[in-house]
């Protein structure tokens, strides 16, 4: 097991950057360019477009069908009564 040695002054020395490789990361940049991205084929592009349109149509449809359910009616003529209270 390695034990750290104190310098002759008795106090441990401190590094300004705990991980020196992080500070020197810019000097190790590669000059190799990655290969260009492959273009999507026509069926892949059509498929992604259809999936996107389906998701958007589902969101719009849920808003259209959900908005009437969220509306509150303020008219006093529209009161709900249960059938059990009719005989009383």
Protein backbone atom coordinates (compact mmCIF):
# COMPACT_ATOMS: atom_id res chain seq x y z
CA UNK A 1 0.00 0.00 0.00
CA UNK A 2 1.30 3.43 -0.93
CA UNK A 3 1.42 6.07 1.77
CA UNK A 4 1.93 9.69 0.75
CA UNK A 5 5.20 11.22 1.84
CA UNK A 6 5.27 14.65 3.43
CA UNK A 7 7.78 17.12 2.02
CA UNK A 8 10.65 18.27 4.23
CA UNK A 9 8.67 21.29 5.49
CA UNK A 10 6.08 19.01 7.08
CA UNK A 11 3.03 20.29 5.24
CA UNK A 12 1.56 18.43 2.29
CA UNK A 13 1.83 20.21 -1.04
CA UNK A 14 -1.36 21.07 -2.89
CA UNK A 15 -2.03 20.82 -6.56
CA UNK A 16 -4.04 23.63 -8.11
CA UNK A 17 -5.89 21.25 -10.43
CA UNK A 18 -6.79 17.89 -8.90
CA UNK A 19 -6.93 16.20 -12.30
CA UNK A 20 -4.20 17.52 -14.53
CA UNK A 21 -5.39 15.56 -17.57
CA UNK A 22 -8.62 17.57 -17.58
CA UNK A 23 -6.69 20.82 -17.74
CA UNK A 24 -4.49 19.51 -20.55
CA UNK A 25 -7.30 17.99 -22.61
CA UNK A 26 -7.06 20.68 -25.30
CA UNK A 27 -3.52 19.68 -26.20
CA UNK A 28 -4.62 16.13 -27.05
CA UNK A 29 -7.25 16.96 -29.67
CA UNK A 30 -7.26 14.67 -32.66
CA UNK A 31 -6.77 15.95 -36.18
CA UNK A 32 -8.77 13.05 -37.67
CA UNK A 33 -12.14 14.13 -39.02
CA UNK A 34 -15.07 11.77 -38.50
CA UNK A 35 -16.68 10.24 -41.56
CA UNK A 36 -19.61 12.17 -43.05
CA UNK A 37 -23.10 11.19 -41.96
CA UNK A 38 -24.97 8.92 -44.29
CA UNK A 39 -28.02 10.47 -45.92
CA UNK A 40 -31.39 8.99 -45.10
CA UNK A 41 -32.97 6.92 -47.79
CA UNK A 42 -36.39 7.90 -49.11
CA UNK A 43 -38.32 5.17 -47.23
CA UNK A 44 -36.60 6.12 -43.96
CA UNK A 45 -37.41 9.78 -44.49
CA UNK A 46 -41.05 9.01 -45.31
CA UNK A 47 -41.32 6.71 -42.30
CA UNK A 48 -39.94 9.31 -39.89
CA UNK A 49 -42.25 11.94 -41.35
CA UNK A 50 -45.28 9.70 -40.94
CA UNK A 51 -44.37 8.89 -37.34
CA UNK A 52 -43.97 12.59 -36.58
CA UNK A 53 -47.28 13.46 -38.20
CA UNK A 54 -49.02 10.66 -36.29
CA UNK A 55 -47.69 11.97 -32.98
CA UNK A 56 -48.71 15.55 -33.77
CA UNK A 57 -52.17 14.42 -34.96
CA UNK A 58 -52.65 12.46 -31.74
CA UNK A 59 -51.77 15.48 -29.61
CA UNK A 60 -54.08 17.77 -31.59
CA UNK A 61 -56.90 15.21 -31.45
CA UNK A 62 -56.54 14.81 -27.70
CA UNK A 63 -56.78 18.57 -27.31
CA UNK A 64 -59.86 18.77 -29.53
CA UNK A 65 -61.67 16.00 -27.68
CA UNK A 66 -60.43 17.02 -24.25
CA UNK A 67 -61.22 20.73 -24.28
CA UNK A 68 -65.04 20.33 -24.11
CA UNK A 69 -64.63 18.09 -21.08
CA UNK A 70 -62.60 20.77 -19.29
CA UNK A 71 -65.14 23.54 -19.84
CA UNK A 72 -67.32 24.48 -16.89
CA UNK A 73 -70.87 25.56 -17.53
CA UNK A 74 -72.09 28.51 -15.47
CA UNK A 75 -75.77 28.29 -16.44
CA UNK A 76 -78.05 27.52 -13.45
CA UNK A 77 -80.58 25.71 -15.68
CA UNK A 78 -78.09 22.90 -16.21
CA UNK A 79 -78.16 21.04 -12.90
CA UNK A 80 -77.46 17.40 -12.53
CA UNK A 81 -79.74 15.29 -10.37
CA UNK A 82 -79.59 11.64 -9.72
CA UNK A 83 -82.53 9.37 -10.44
CA UNK A 84 -82.60 8.22 -6.83
CA UNK A 85 -83.72 11.68 -5.65
CA UNK A 86 -86.81 11.72 -7.95
CA UNK A 87 -88.97 9.63 -5.65
CA UNK A 88 -88.43 11.76 -2.55
